[in-house]
C-alpha atoms as a PDB file:
ATOM      1  CA  UNK A   1       0.000   0.000   0.000  1.00  0.00           C
ATOM      2  CA  UNK A   2       1.520   3.311  -1.123  1.00  0.00           C
ATOM      3  CA  UNK A   3       2.401   5.692   1.699  1.00  0.00           C
ATOM      4  CA  UNK A   4       0.587   9.006   1.524  1.00  0.00           C
ATOM      5  CA  UNK A   5       2.529  12.191   2.250  1.00  0.00           C
ATOM      6  CA  UNK A   6       0.420  15.144   3.316  1.00  0.00           C
ATOM      7  CA  UNK A   7       1.303  18.764   2.644  1.00  0.00           C
ATOM      8  CA  UNK A   8       2.015  19.324   6.328  1.00  0.00           C
ATOM      9  CA  UNK A   9       4.367  16.345   6.520  1.00  0.00           C
ATOM     10  CA  UNK A  10       6.146  17.369   3.330  1.00  0.00           C
ATOM     11  CA  UNK A  11       6.696  20.943   4.511  1.00  0.00           C
ATOM     12  CA  UNK A  12       8.148  19.766   7.824  1.00  0.00           C
ATOM     13  CA  UNK A  13      10.460  17.291   6.050  1.00  0.00           C
ATOM     14  CA  UNK A  14      11.743  20.026   3.726  1.00  0.00           C
ATOM     15  CA  UNK A  15      12.224  22.583   6.481  1.00  0.00           C
ATOM     16  CA  UNK A  16      15.831  21.427   6.835  1.00  0.00           C
ATOM     17  CA  UNK A  17      16.546  23.003   3.425  1.00  0.00           C
ATOM     18  CA  UNK A  18      16.264  26.422   5.077  1.00  0.00           C
ATOM     19  CA  UNK A  19      18.792  26.713   7.892  1.00  0.00           C
ATOM     20  CA  UNK A  20      17.580  30.230   8.758  1.00  0.00           C
ATOM     21  CA  UNK A  21      13.973  29.091   9.115  1.00  0.00           C
ATOM     22  CA  UNK A  22      12.487  28.241  12.480  1.00  0.00           C
ATOM     23  CA  UNK A  23       9.099  26.986  11.336  1.00  0.00           C
ATOM     24  CA  UNK A  24       7.546  30.321  10.363  1.00  0.00           C
ATOM     25  CA  UNK A  25       7.530  29.570   6.626  1.00  0.00           C
ATOM     26  CA  UNK A  26       6.060  26.138   7.258  1.00  0.00           C
ATOM     27  CA  UNK A  27       3.247  27.644   9.307  1.00  0.00           C
ATOM     28  CA  UNK A  28       2.676  30.337   6.680  1.00  0.00           C
ATOM     29  CA  UNK A  29       2.236  27.708   3.945  1.00  0.00           C
ATOM     30  CA  UNK A  30      -0.078  25.829   6.305  1.00  0.00           C
ATOM     31  CA  UNK A  31      -2.218  28.958   6.738  1.00  0.00           C
ATOM     32  CA  UNK A  32      -2.486  29.358   2.968  1.00  0.00           C
ATOM     33  CA  UNK A  33      -3.488  25.701   2.687  1.00  0.00           C
ATOM     34  CA  UNK A  34      -6.248  26.125   5.271  1.00  0.00           C
ATOM     35  CA  UNK A  35      -7.706  29.176   3.515  1.00  0.00           C
ATOM     36  CA  UNK A  36      -7.610  27.403   0.153  1.00  0.00           C
ATOM     37  CA  UNK A  37      -9.625  24.487   1.559  1.00  0.00           C
ATOM     38  CA  UNK A  38     -12.331  26.914   2.681  1.00  0.00           C
ATOM     39  CA  UNK A  39     -12.377  28.667  -0.696  1.00  0.00           C
ATOM     40  CA  UNK A  40     -12.509  25.308  -2.495  1.00  0.00           C
ATOM     41  CA  UNK A  41     -15.518  24.303  -0.423  1.00  0.00           C
ATOM     42  CA  UNK A  42     -17.365  27.454  -1.460  1.00  0.00           C
ATOM     43  CA  UNK A  43     -16.344  27.132  -5.110  1.00  0.00           C
ATOM     44  CA  UNK A  44     -17.706  23.583  -5.177  1.00  0.00           C
ATOM     45  CA  UNK A  45     -21.103  24.664  -3.884  1.00  0.00           C
ATOM     46  CA  UNK A  46     -21.195  28.034  -5.657  1.00  0.00           C
ATOM     47  CA  UNK A  47     -24.227  27.045  -7.699  1.00  0.00           C
ATOM     48  CA  UNK A  48     -26.152  26.232  -4.519  1.00  0.00           C
ATOM     49  CA  UNK A  49     -25.273  29.342  -2.549  1.00  0.00           C
ATOM     50  CA  UNK A  50     -25.757  33.059  -3.004  1.00  0.00           C
ATOM     51  CA  UNK A  51     -22.145  33.715  -3.943  1.00  0.00           C
ATOM     52  CA  UNK A  52     -22.342  33.656  -7.720  1.00  0.00           C
ATOM     53  CA  UNK A  53     -22.461  36.769  -9.851  1.00  0.00           C
ATOM     54  CA  UNK A  54     -21.380  40.361  -9.299  1.00  0.00           C
ATOM     55  CA  UNK A  55     -20.748  41.875  -5.890  1.00  0.00           C
ATOM     56  CA  UNK A  56     -21.783  45.267  -7.261  1.00  0.00           C
ATOM     57  CA  UNK A  57     -18.427  46.997  -6.965  1.00  0.00           C
ATOM     58  CA  UNK A  58     -15.275  47.658  -8.999  1.00  0.00           C
ATOM     59  CA  UNK A  59     -11.825  46.732  -7.686  1.00  0.00           C
ATOM     60  CA  UNK A  60      -8.631  48.768  -7.954  1.00  0.00           C
ATOM     61  CA  UNK A  61      -7.942  47.155 -11.337  1.00  0.00           C
ATOM     62  CA  UNK A  62     -11.174  48.583 -12.764  1.00  0.00           C
ATOM     63  CA  UNK A  63     -12.678  45.101 -12.942  1.00  0.00           C
ATOM     64  CA  UNK A  64     -16.121  44.047 -11.784  1.00  0.00           C
ATOM     65  CA  UNK A  65     -15.837  42.223  -8.460  1.00  0.00           C
ATOM     66  CA  UNK A  66     -17.507  38.839  -8.150  1.00  0.00           C
ATOM     67  CA  UNK A  67     -19.042  37.747  -4.852  1.00  0.00           C
ATOM     68  CA  UNK A  68     -16.623  34.836  -4.637  1.00  0.00           C
ATOM     69  CA  UNK A  69     -13.704  37.272  -5.204  1.00  0.00           C
ATOM     70  CA  UNK A  70     -14.717  39.066  -2.022  1.00  0.00           C
ATOM     71  CA  UNK A  71     -15.143  35.817  -0.100  1.00  0.00           C
ATOM     72  CA  UNK A  72     -11.744  34.435  -1.179  1.00  0.00           C
ATOM     73  CA  UNK A  73      -9.986  37.697  -0.356  1.00  0.00           C
ATOM     74  CA  UNK A  74     -11.516  37.795   3.108  1.00  0.00           C
ATOM     75  CA  UNK A  75     -10.617  34.171   3.830  1.00  0.00           C
ATOM     76  CA  UNK A  76      -6.960  34.512   2.884  1.00  0.00           C
ATOM     77  CA  UNK A  77      -6.564  37.802   4.748  1.00  0.00           C
ATOM     78  CA  UNK A  78      -8.150  36.268   7.849  1.00  0.00           C
ATOM     79  CA  UNK A  79      -6.014  33.125   7.723  1.00  0.00           C
ATOM     80  CA  UNK A  80      -2.780  35.041   7.172  1.00  0.00           C
ATOM     81  CA  UNK A  81      -3.625  37.603   9.850  1.00  0.00           C
ATOM     82  CA  UNK A  82      -4.566  35.049  12.488  1.00  0.00           C
ATOM     83  CA  UNK A  83      -1.619  32.804  11.648  1.00  0.00           C
ATOM     84  CA  UNK A  84       0.801  35.477  12.812  1.00  0.00           C
ATOM     85  CA  UNK A  85       3.611  34.695  10.380  1.00  0.00           C
ATOM     86  CA  UNK A  86       3.321  37.664   8.001  1.00  0.00           C
ATOM     87  CA  UNK A  87       3.381  41.371   8.826  1.00  0.00           C
ATOM     88  CA  UNK A  88       1.664  42.643   5.667  1.00  0.00           C
ATOM     89  CA  UNK A  89      -0.440  41.418   2.733  1.00  0.00           C
ATOM     90  CA  UNK A  90      -0.799  42.720  -0.818  1.00  0.00           C
ATOM     91  CA  UNK A  91      -3.928  41.645  -2.680  1.00  0.00           C
ATOM     92  CA  UNK A  92      -5.257  42.276  -6.148  1.00  0.00           C
ATOM     93  CA  UNK A  93      -8.515  43.320  -4.515  1.00  0.00           C
ATOM     94  CA  UNK A  94      -7.033  46.045  -2.302  1.00  0.00           C
ATOM     95  CA  UNK A  95      -5.540  49.316  -3.488  1.00  0.00           C
ATOM     96  CA  UNK A  96      -2.991  49.517  -0.663  1.00  0.00           C
ATOM     97  CA  UNK A  97      -1.138  46.925   1.376  1.00  0.00           C
ATOM     98  CA  UNK A  98      -2.890  45.433   4.382  1.00  0.00           C
ATOM     99  CA  UNK A  99      -0.790  45.851   7.514  1.00  0.00           C
ATOM    100  CA  UNK A 100      -1.186  42.970   9.969  1.00  0.00           C
ATOM    101  CA  UNK A 101      -0.530  44.990  13.077  1.00  0.00           C
ATOM    102  CA  UNK A 102      -1.244  42.700  15.990  1.00  0.00           C
ATOM    103  CA  UNK A 103       1.122  41.605  18.733  1.00  0.00           C
ATOM    104  CA  UNK A 104       1.913  38.265  17.116  1.00  0.00           C
ATOM    105  CA  UNK A 105       2.419  39.540  13.551  1.00  0.00           C
ATOM    106  CA  UNK A 106       4.000  42.944  14.078  1.00  0.00           C
ATOM    107  CA  UNK A 107       7.571  41.658  13.836  1.00  0.00           C
ATOM    108  CA  UNK A 108       6.897  38.656  11.582  1.00  0.00           C
ATOM    109  CA  UNK A 109       9.585  37.875   8.989  1.00  0.00           C
ATOM    110  CA  UNK A 110       7.429  37.582   5.885  1.00  0.00           C
ATOM    111  CA  UNK A 111       5.040  39.444   3.609  1.00  0.00           C
ATOM    112  CA  UNK A 112       2.559  37.775   1.250  1.00  0.00           C
ATOM    113  CA  UNK A 113       1.321  38.999  -2.131  1.00  0.00           C
ATOM    114  CA  UNK A 114      -1.675  37.266  -3.680  1.00  0.00           C
ATOM    115  CA  UNK A 115      -4.364  37.133  -6.292  1.00  0.00           C
ATOM    116  CA  UNK A 116      -7.053  35.500  -4.153  1.00  0.00           C
ATOM    117  CA  UNK A 117      -9.201  34.328  -7.073  1.00  0.00           C
ATOM    118  CA  UNK A 118      -7.617  34.397 -10.512  1.00  0.00           C
ATOM    119  CA  UNK A 119      -9.983  33.838 -13.442  1.00  0.00           C
ATOM    120  CA  UNK A 120     -13.053  34.836 -11.463  1.00  0.00           C
ATOM    121  CA  UNK A 121     -14.860  35.988 -14.625  1.00  0.00           C
ATOM    122  CA  UNK A 122     -15.304  32.259 -15.288  1.00  0.00           C
ATOM    123  CA  UNK A 123     -16.991  31.482 -11.959  1.00  0.00           C
ATOM    124  CA  UNK A 124     -20.534  31.682 -13.268  1.00  0.00           C
ATOM    125  CA  UNK A 125     -19.859  29.204 -16.084  1.00  0.00           C
ATOM    126  CA  UNK A 126     -18.173  26.531 -13.949  1.00  0.00           C
ATOM    127  CA  UNK A 127     -14.640  26.919 -15.355  1.00  0.00           C
ATOM    128  CA  UNK A 128     -11.607  26.263 -13.146  1.00  0.00           C
ATOM    129  CA  UNK A 129     -10.327  29.251 -11.168  1.00  0.00           C
ATOM    130  CA  UNK A 130      -7.364  29.596  -8.825  1.00  0.00           C
ATOM    131  CA  UNK A 131      -5.362  31.430  -6.189  1.00  0.00           C
ATOM    132  CA  UNK A 132      -1.808  32.691  -6.767  1.00  0.00           C
ATOM    133  CA  UNK A 133       0.532  33.589  -3.898  1.00  0.00           C
ATOM    134  CA  UNK A 134       4.061  34.852  -3.408  1.00  0.00           C
ATOM    135  CA  UNK A 135       6.094  35.054  -0.193  1.00  0.00           C
ATOM    136  CA  UNK A 136       9.019  37.418   0.499  1.00  0.00           C
ATOM    137  CA  UNK A 137      11.220  37.999   3.513  1.00  0.00           C
ATOM    138  CA  UNK A 138      10.582  41.556   4.625  1.00  0.00           C
ATOM    139  CA  UNK A 139      13.278  44.164   3.983  1.00  0.00           C
ATOM    140  CA  UNK A 140      12.284  46.401   6.896  1.00  0.00           C
ATOM    141  CA  UNK A 141      13.708  45.236  10.195  1.00  0.00           C
ATOM    142  CA  UNK A 142      10.875  45.454  12.713  1.00  0.00           C
ATOM    143  CA  UNK A 143       7.438  46.915  13.243  1.00  0.00           C
ATOM    144  CA  UNK A 144       4.546  46.989  10.768  1.00  0.00           C
ATOM    145  CA  UNK A 145       5.162  45.892   7.182  1.00  0.00           C
ATOM    146  CA  UNK A 146       5.782  48.571   4.571  1.00  0.00           C
ATOM    147  CA  UNK A 147       5.207  49.010   0.836  1.00  0.00           C
ATOM    148  CA  UNK A 148       8.968  48.704   0.280  1.00  0.00           C
ATOM    149  CA  UNK A 149       8.833  45.157   1.657  1.00  0.00           C
ATOM    150  CA  UNK A 150       6.923  44.202  -1.499  1.00  0.00           C
ATOM    151  CA  UNK A 151       8.953  46.129  -4.075  1.00  0.00           C
ATOM    152  CA  UNK A 152      11.579  43.425  -4.507  1.00  0.00           C
ATOM    153  CA  UNK A 153      12.758  41.558  -7.572  1.00  0.00           C
ATOM    154  CA  UNK A 154      11.025  38.250  -8.166  1.00  0.00           C
ATOM    155  CA  UNK A 155      14.389  36.579  -7.608  1.00  0.00           C
ATOM    156  CA  UNK A 156      13.978  37.413  -3.906  1.00  0.00           C
ATOM    157  CA  UNK A 157      10.891  35.248  -3.483  1.00  0.00           C
ATOM    158  CA  UNK A 158      11.145  32.713  -0.678  1.00  0.00           C
ATOM    159  CA  UNK A 159       8.186  30.681  -1.881  1.00  0.00           C
ATOM    160  CA  UNK A 160       5.409  30.894  -4.447  1.00  0.00           C
ATOM    161  CA  UNK A 161       2.511  28.780  -5.544  1.00  0.00           C
ATOM    162  CA  UNK A 162      -0.990  28.501  -6.828  1.00  0.00           C
ATOM    163  CA  UNK A 163      -4.117  26.574  -5.957  1.00  0.00           C
ATOM    164  CA  UNK A 164      -6.411  25.430  -8.752  1.00  0.00           C
ATOM    165  CA  UNK A 165     -10.061  24.798  -7.968  1.00  0.00           C
ATOM    166  CA  UNK A 166     -11.204  22.398 -10.674  1.00  0.00           C
ATOM    167  CA  UNK A 167     -12.333  18.790 -11.016  1.00  0.00           C
ATOM    168  CA  UNK A 168     -10.000  18.341  -8.074  1.00  0.00           C
ATOM    169  CA  UNK A 169      -8.384  20.952  -5.859  1.00  0.00           C
ATOM    170  CA  UNK A 170      -4.633  21.061  -6.231  1.00  0.00           C
ATOM    171  CA  UNK A 171      -1.863  23.151  -4.670  1.00  0.00           C
ATOM    172  CA  UNK A 172       1.416  23.571  -6.549  1.00  0.00           C
ATOM    173  CA  UNK A 173       4.280  25.389  -4.850  1.00  0.00           C
ATOM    174  CA  UNK A 174       8.023  25.918  -4.773  1.00  0.00           C
ATOM    175  CA  UNK A 175      10.515  27.163  -2.228  1.00  0.00           C
ATOM    176  CA  UNK A 176      13.325  27.249  -4.776  1.00  0.00           C
ATOM    177  CA  UNK A 177      14.052  23.525  -4.415  1.00  0.00           C
ATOM    178  CA  UNK A 178      11.888  22.213  -7.239  1.00  0.00           C
ATOM    179  CA  UNK A 179       8.114  22.148  -7.714  1.00  0.00           C
ATOM    180  CA  UNK A 180       5.676  19.776  -6.046  1.00  0.00           C
ATOM    181  CA  UNK A 181       1.926  19.359  -6.450  1.00  0.00           C
ATOM    182  CA  UNK A 182      -0.596  18.268  -3.828  1.00  0.00           C
ATOM    183  CA  UNK A 183      -4.164  17.157  -4.491  1.00  0.00           C
ATOM    184  CA  UNK A 184      -6.851  17.657  -1.845  1.00  0.00           C
ATOM    185  CA  UNK A 185      -8.354  14.399  -0.628  1.00  0.00           C
ATOM    186  CA  UNK A 186     -11.819  15.472   0.567  1.00  0.00           C
ATOM    187  CA  UNK A 187     -12.269  12.255   2.524  1.00  0.00           C
ATOM    188  CA  UNK A 188      -9.544  13.226   4.989  1.00  0.00           C
ATOM    189  CA  UNK A 189      -9.431  16.994   4.333  1.00  0.00           C
ATOM    190  CA  UNK A 190      -5.714  16.975   3.521  1.00  0.00           C
ATOM    191  CA  UNK A 191      -3.563  17.965   0.554  1.00  0.00           C
ATOM    192  CA  UNK A 192      -1.605  14.842  -0.441  1.00  0.00           C
ATOM    193  CA  UNK A 193       1.544  14.696  -2.564  1.00  0.00           C
ATOM    194  CA  UNK A 194       0.404  13.659  -6.042  1.00  0.00           C
ATOM    195  CA  UNK A 195       2.903  15.322  -8.401  1.00  0.00           C
ATOM    196  CA  UNK A 196       6.435  15.154  -6.923  1.00  0.00           C
ATOM    197  CA  UNK A 197       9.284  17.030  -8.595  1.00  0.00           C
ATOM    198  CA  UNK A 198       7.218  18.484 -11.422  1.00  0.00           C
ATOM    199  CA  UNK A 199       9.106  19.186 -14.665  1.00  0.00           C
ATOM    200  CA  UNK A 200       7.662  20.895 -17.722  1.00  0.00           C
ATOM    201  CA  UNK A 201       8.749  19.593 -21.147  1.00  0.00           C
ATOM    202  CA  UNK A 202      11.438  21.655 -22.870  1.00  0.00           C
ATOM    203  CA  UNK A 203       9.235  22.002 -25.941  1.00  0.00           C
ATOM    204  CA  UNK A 204       5.677  21.055 -26.834  1.00  0.00           C
ATOM    205  CA  UNK A 205       2.906  21.483 -29.395  1.00  0.00           C
ATOM    206  CA  UNK A 206       0.517  23.834 -27.596  1.00  0.00           C
ATOM    207  CA  UNK A 207       0.226  27.615 -27.457  1.00  0.00           C
ATOM    208  CA  UNK A 208      -2.200  29.578 -25.274  1.00  0.00           C
ATOM    209  CA  UNK A 209      -3.225  33.136 -26.111  1.00  0.00           C
ATOM    210  CA  UNK A 210      -6.437  35.122 -26.566  1.00  0.00           C
ATOM    211  CA  UNK A 211      -6.398  35.275 -30.356  1.00  0.00           C
ATOM    212  CA  UNK A 212      -9.453  37.533 -30.297  1.00  0.00           C
ATOM    213  CA  UNK A 213      -6.973  40.372 -29.685  1.00  0.00           C
ATOM    214  CA  UNK A 214      -4.769  39.357 -32.624  1.00  0.00           C
ATOM    215  CA  UNK A 215      -5.042  42.641 -34.526  1.00  0.00           C
ATOM    216  CA  UNK A 216      -3.808  44.511 -31.433  1.00  0.00           C
ATOM    217  CA  UNK A 217      -0.753  42.303 -30.782  1.00  0.00           C
ATOM    218  CA  UNK A 218       2.866  43.379 -31.438  1.00  0.00           C
ATOM    219  CA  UNK A 219       4.223  42.195 -34.780  1.00  0.00           C
ATOM    220  CA  UNK A 220       6.516  39.695 -33.064  1.00  0.00           C
ATOM    221  CA  UNK A 221       3.557  37.929 -31.457  1.00  0.00           C
ATOM    222  CA  UNK A 222       1.636  37.865 -34.751  1.00  0.00           C
ATOM    223  CA  UNK A 223       4.619  36.328 -36.542  1.00  0.00           C
ATOM    224  CA  UNK A 224       5.096  33.714 -33.817  1.00  0.00           C
ATOM    225  CA  UNK A 225       1.414  32.746 -33.940  1.00  0.00           C
ATOM    226  CA  UNK A 226       1.676  32.311 -37.695  1.00  0.00           C
ATOM    227  CA  UNK A 227       4.733  30.110 -37.151  1.00  0.00           C
ATOM    228  CA  UNK A 228       2.700  27.953 -34.743  1.00  0.00           C
ATOM    229  CA  UNK A 229      -0.087  27.632 -37.323  1.00  0.00           C
ATOM    230  CA  UNK A 230       2.071  26.710 -40.310  1.00  0.00           C
ATOM    231  CA  UNK A 231       2.177  23.121 -41.518  1.00  0.00           C
ATOM    232  CA  UNK A 232       5.566  21.480 -41.088  1.00  0.00           C
ATOM    233  CA  UNK A 233       5.959  17.761 -40.430  1.00  0.00           C
ATOM    234  CA  UNK A 234       9.525  18.072 -39.164  1.00  0.00           C
ATOM    235  CA  UNK A 235       8.432  20.228 -36.205  1.00  0.00           C
ATOM    236  CA  UNK A 236       4.968  18.627 -35.806  1.00  0.00           C
ATOM    237  CA  UNK A 237       3.240  21.849 -36.776  1.00  0.00           C
ATOM    238  CA  UNK A 238       0.643  23.220 -36.772  1.00  0.00           C
ATOM    239  CA  UNK A 239       0.508  23.384 -32.991  1.00  0.00           C
ATOM    240  CA  UNK A 240      -2.731  23.146 -31.037  1.00  0.00           C
ATOM    241  CA  UNK A 241      -4.303  26.317 -29.696  1.00  0.00           C
ATOM    242  CA  UNK A 242      -5.557  25.817 -26.144  1.00  0.00           C
ATOM    243  CA  UNK A 243      -6.890  28.859 -24.299  1.00  0.00           C
ATOM    244  CA  UNK A 244      -9.247  28.558 -21.336  1.00  0.00           C
ATOM    245  CA  UNK A 245      -9.165  32.208 -20.308  1.00  0.00           C
ATOM    246  CA  UNK A 246      -8.459  31.302 -16.691  1.00  0.00           C
ATOM    247  CA  UNK A 247      -4.749  31.961 -16.216  1.00  0.00           C
ATOM    248  CA  UNK A 248      -4.044  29.387 -13.508  1.00  0.00           C
ATOM    249  CA  UNK A 249      -5.855  26.684 -15.496  1.00  0.00           C
ATOM    250  CA  UNK A 250      -3.977  27.458 -18.716  1.00  0.00           C
ATOM    251  CA  UNK A 251      -0.605  27.612 -16.977  1.00  0.00           C
ATOM    252  CA  UNK A 252      -1.261  24.477 -14.908  1.00  0.00           C
ATOM    253  CA  UNK A 253      -2.024  22.493 -18.057  1.00  0.00           C
ATOM    254  CA  UNK A 254       1.098  23.761 -19.810  1.00  0.00           C
ATOM    255  CA  UNK A 255       3.245  23.097 -16.746  1.00  0.00           C
ATOM    256  CA  UNK A 256       2.275  19.424 -16.903  1.00  0.00           C
ATOM    257  CA  UNK A 257       2.010  18.783 -20.649  1.00  0.00           C
ATOM    258  CA  UNK A 258       4.236  21.558 -22.013  1.00  0.00           C
ATOM    259  CA  UNK A 259       3.394  24.630 -24.050  1.00  0.00           C
ATOM    260  CA  UNK A 260       3.646  28.394 -24.027  1.00  0.00           C
ATOM    261  CA  UNK A 261       1.275  30.877 -22.396  1.00  0.00           C
ATOM    262  CA  UNK A 262       1.332  34.407 -23.805  1.00  0.00           C
ATOM    263  CA  UNK A 263      -0.316  37.569 -22.538  1.00  0.00           C
ATOM    264  CA  UNK A 264       1.391  40.306 -24.568  1.00  0.00           C
ATOM    265  CA  UNK A 265       0.815  44.026 -24.746  1.00  0.00           C
ATOM    266  CA  UNK A 266      -2.124  45.270 -26.803  1.00  0.00           C
ATOM    267  CA  UNK A 267      -3.257  48.660 -28.017  1.00  0.00           C
ATOM    268  CA  UNK A 268      -5.644  48.735 -25.056  1.00  0.00           C
ATOM    269  CA  UNK A 269      -3.020  47.568 -22.538  1.00  0.00           C
ATOM    270  CA  UNK A 270       0.326  48.981 -23.752  1.00  0.00           C
ATOM    271  CA  UNK A 271       2.092  47.959 -20.533  1.00  0.00           C
ATOM    272  CA  UNK A 272       0.504  44.526 -20.431  1.00  0.00           C
ATOM    273  CA  UNK A 273      -2.421  43.438 -18.282  1.00  0.00           C
ATOM    274  CA  UNK A 274      -1.113  40.890 -15.786  1.00  0.00           C
ATOM    275  CA  UNK A 275       0.297  42.132 -12.471  1.00  0.00           C
ATOM    276  CA  UNK A 276       4.009  41.621 -11.881  1.00  0.00           C
ATOM    277  CA  UNK A 277       4.022  41.254  -8.087  1.00  0.00           C
ATOM    278  CA  UNK A 278       1.317  38.713  -7.373  1.00  0.00           C
ATOM    279  CA  UNK A 279       0.708  37.031 -10.747  1.00  0.00           C
ATOM    280  CA  UNK A 280       3.775  37.042 -13.003  1.00  0.00           C
ATOM    281  CA  UNK A 281       6.585  36.765 -10.444  1.00  0.00           C
ATOM    282  CA  UNK A 282       5.154  33.756  -8.575  1.00  0.00           C
ATOM    283  CA  UNK A 283       4.167  31.978 -11.799  1.00  0.00           C
ATOM    284  CA  UNK A 284       7.626  32.670 -13.217  1.00  0.00           C
ATOM    285  CA  UNK A 285       9.287  31.266 -10.071  1.00  0.00           C
ATOM    286  CA  UNK A 286       7.259  28.056 -10.329  1.00  0.00           C
ATOM    287  CA  UNK A 287       7.872  27.705 -14.069  1.00  0.00           C
ATOM    288  CA  UNK A 288      11.620  28.237 -13.802  1.00  0.00           C
ATOM    289  CA  UNK A 289      11.875  25.744 -10.960  1.00  0.00           C
ATOM    290  CA  UNK A 290      10.105  23.230 -13.215  1.00  0.00           C
ATOM    291  CA  UNK A 291      12.643  23.789 -15.997  1.00  0.00           C
ATOM    292  CA  UNK A 292      10.715  26.366 -18.028  1.00  0.00           C
ATOM    293  CA  UNK A 293      11.212  30.068 -18.679  1.00  0.00           C
ATOM    294  CA  UNK A 294       9.277  33.301 -18.143  1.00  0.00           C
ATOM    295  CA  UNK A 295       9.939  36.648 -19.869  1.00  0.00           C
ATOM    296  CA  UNK A 296       8.150  39.836 -20.879  1.00  0.00           C
ATOM    297  CA  UNK A 297       9.130  39.002 -24.448  1.00  0.00           C
ATOM    298  CA  UNK A 298      12.629  40.384 -23.956  1.00  0.00           C
ATOM    299  CA  UNK A 299      13.719  40.181 -20.313  1.00  0.00           C
ATOM    300  CA  UNK A 300      13.469  37.642 -17.528  1.00  0.00           C
ATOM    301  CA  UNK A 301      10.307  38.340 -15.521  1.00  0.00           C
ATOM    302  CA  UNK A 302      11.921  37.843 -12.121  1.00  0.00           C
ATOM    303  CA  UNK A 303      14.607  40.437 -12.839  1.00  0.00           C
ATOM    304  CA  UNK A 304      12.209  43.249 -13.755  1.00  0.00           C
ATOM    305  CA  UNK A 305      12.274  46.345 -11.581  1.00  0.00           C
ATOM    306  CA  UNK A 306       9.070  46.905  -9.629  1.00  0.00           C
ATOM    307  CA  UNK A 307       7.985  50.344  -8.443  1.00  0.00           C
ATOM    308  CA  UNK A 308       4.225  49.984  -7.975  1.00  0.00           C
ATOM    309  CA  UNK A 309       2.073  47.532  -6.053  1.00  0.00           C
ATOM    310  CA  UNK A 310      -0.192  46.805  -9.025  1.00  0.00           C
ATOM    311  CA  UNK A 311       2.424  47.208 -11.756  1.00  0.00           C
ATOM    312  CA  UNK A 312       1.569  45.413 -15.004  1.00  0.00           C
ATOM    313  CA  UNK A 313       3.709  43.532 -17.502  1.00  0.00           C
ATOM    314  CA  UNK A 314       3.370  41.327 -20.578  1.00  0.00           C
ATOM    315  CA  UNK A 315       4.102  37.631 -19.972  1.00  0.00           C
ATOM    316  CA  UNK A 316       5.563  34.789 -22.061  1.00  0.00           C
ATOM    317  CA  UNK A 317       5.792  31.657 -19.933  1.00  0.00           C
ATOM    318  CA  UNK A 318       6.206  27.909 -20.342  1.00  0.00           C
ATOM    319  CA  UNK A 319       8.423  25.415 -22.144  1.00  0.00           C
ATOM    320  CA  UNK A 320      11.926  26.882 -22.436  1.00  0.00           C
ATOM    321  CA  UNK A 321      12.447  26.365 -26.171  1.00  0.00           C
ATOM    322  CA  UNK A 322       9.061  27.868 -27.030  1.00  0.00           C
ATOM    323  CA  UNK A 323       9.608  30.933 -24.833  1.00  0.00           C
ATOM    324  CA  UNK A 324      13.037  31.429 -26.407  1.00  0.00           C
ATOM    325  CA  UNK A 325      11.607  31.257 -29.923  1.00  0.00           C
ATOM    326  CA  UNK A 326       8.781  33.680 -29.081  1.00  0.00           C
ATOM    327  CA  UNK A 327      11.440  36.030 -27.709  1.00  0.00           C
ATOM    328  CA  UNK A 328      13.421  35.756 -30.931  1.00  0.00           C
ATOM    329  CA  UNK A 329      10.339  36.777 -32.907  1.00  0.00           C
ATOM    330  CA  UNK A 330       9.718  39.686 -30.547  1.00  0.00           C
ATOM    331  CA  UNK A 331      13.280  40.944 -30.936  1.00  0.00           C
ATOM    332  CA  UNK A 332      13.252  40.528 -34.705  1.00  0.00           C
ATOM    333  CA  UNK A 333       9.855  42.032 -35.517  1.00  0.00           C
ATOM    334  CA  UNK A 334       8.800  44.212 -32.574  1.00  0.00           C
ATOM    335  CA  UNK A 335      12.011  45.971 -31.566  1.00  0.00           C
ATOM    336  CA  UNK A 336      13.568  45.710 -28.110  1.00  0.00           C
ATOM    337  CA  UNK A 337      13.810  49.453 -27.572  1.00  0.00           C
ATOM    338  CA  UNK A 338      10.160  50.062 -28.419  1.00  0.00           C
ATOM    339  CA  UNK A 339       8.989  47.303 -26.082  1.00  0.00           C
ATOM    340  CA  UNK A 340      11.094  48.429 -23.135  1.00  0.00           C
ATOM    341  CA  UNK A 341       9.754  51.948 -23.396  1.00  0.00           C
END
């Protein structure tokens, strides 16, 4: 009979990889796991409860807030605040950082950035949604967390992960020592190791992009899409287009089976649409740890300077060879200087 390893057991076993850690990071990941179980429960019964549809407000991103967005945000903030292991939280749903200023958390070592419910526009049509999180060691020494604690390069992340709420609930995370996936067993209420040492294929035959915006894409993206669509037996083209429209779901599929996920600039979003701090950096960390790559079309995502909490960026992420080729097309047809500006 195969031995089952729970998320809690796995985290404790791996704690030795961090000589400076004294259990705080383990407890922080535990808190995130607890909140995700609660959110998963509500997602699974969303059609039976009054949590579907619009909440009647607009978030800081200018997007309509879903009722389940609000619920997920509240659950993660509550779990992280009560857990006492982070001194501040940055959320997609809040314009400013949330300072966790209680006796237990005031001098905590970590800050957490999160998108509490990515892909929430798909909630009402029963498509997989997810949570993305990123953990940094604070740069301020003591006292309440500050905005500057969050304005670090993605290379400074201590841990990052996502939870996907789909046909099963799964947590995928990294602490810089590889990527591991855990599937929630509802019969025992525990995340169990199901995908150890996840590795994404170096190349694949799938590309993911919202082709409805094709006319607004940079020339490099248009040329790369055409390359993917051309018939060529030697490279097994044309490739398959697979786009769910729920970022975590698209990226999770590509992480396992290989492929490239692209969210480039458009005429409407000249700086890109995805947020660097709590979407692109954590997803890039996971992808790189699984052997893939993540860029803005020209530069490594995790090395980008960040100056704003909700700063946006384009994203090219997935199988290393495919990301490299997309970057070559961007440099050849779109112009590095124009993109960086």
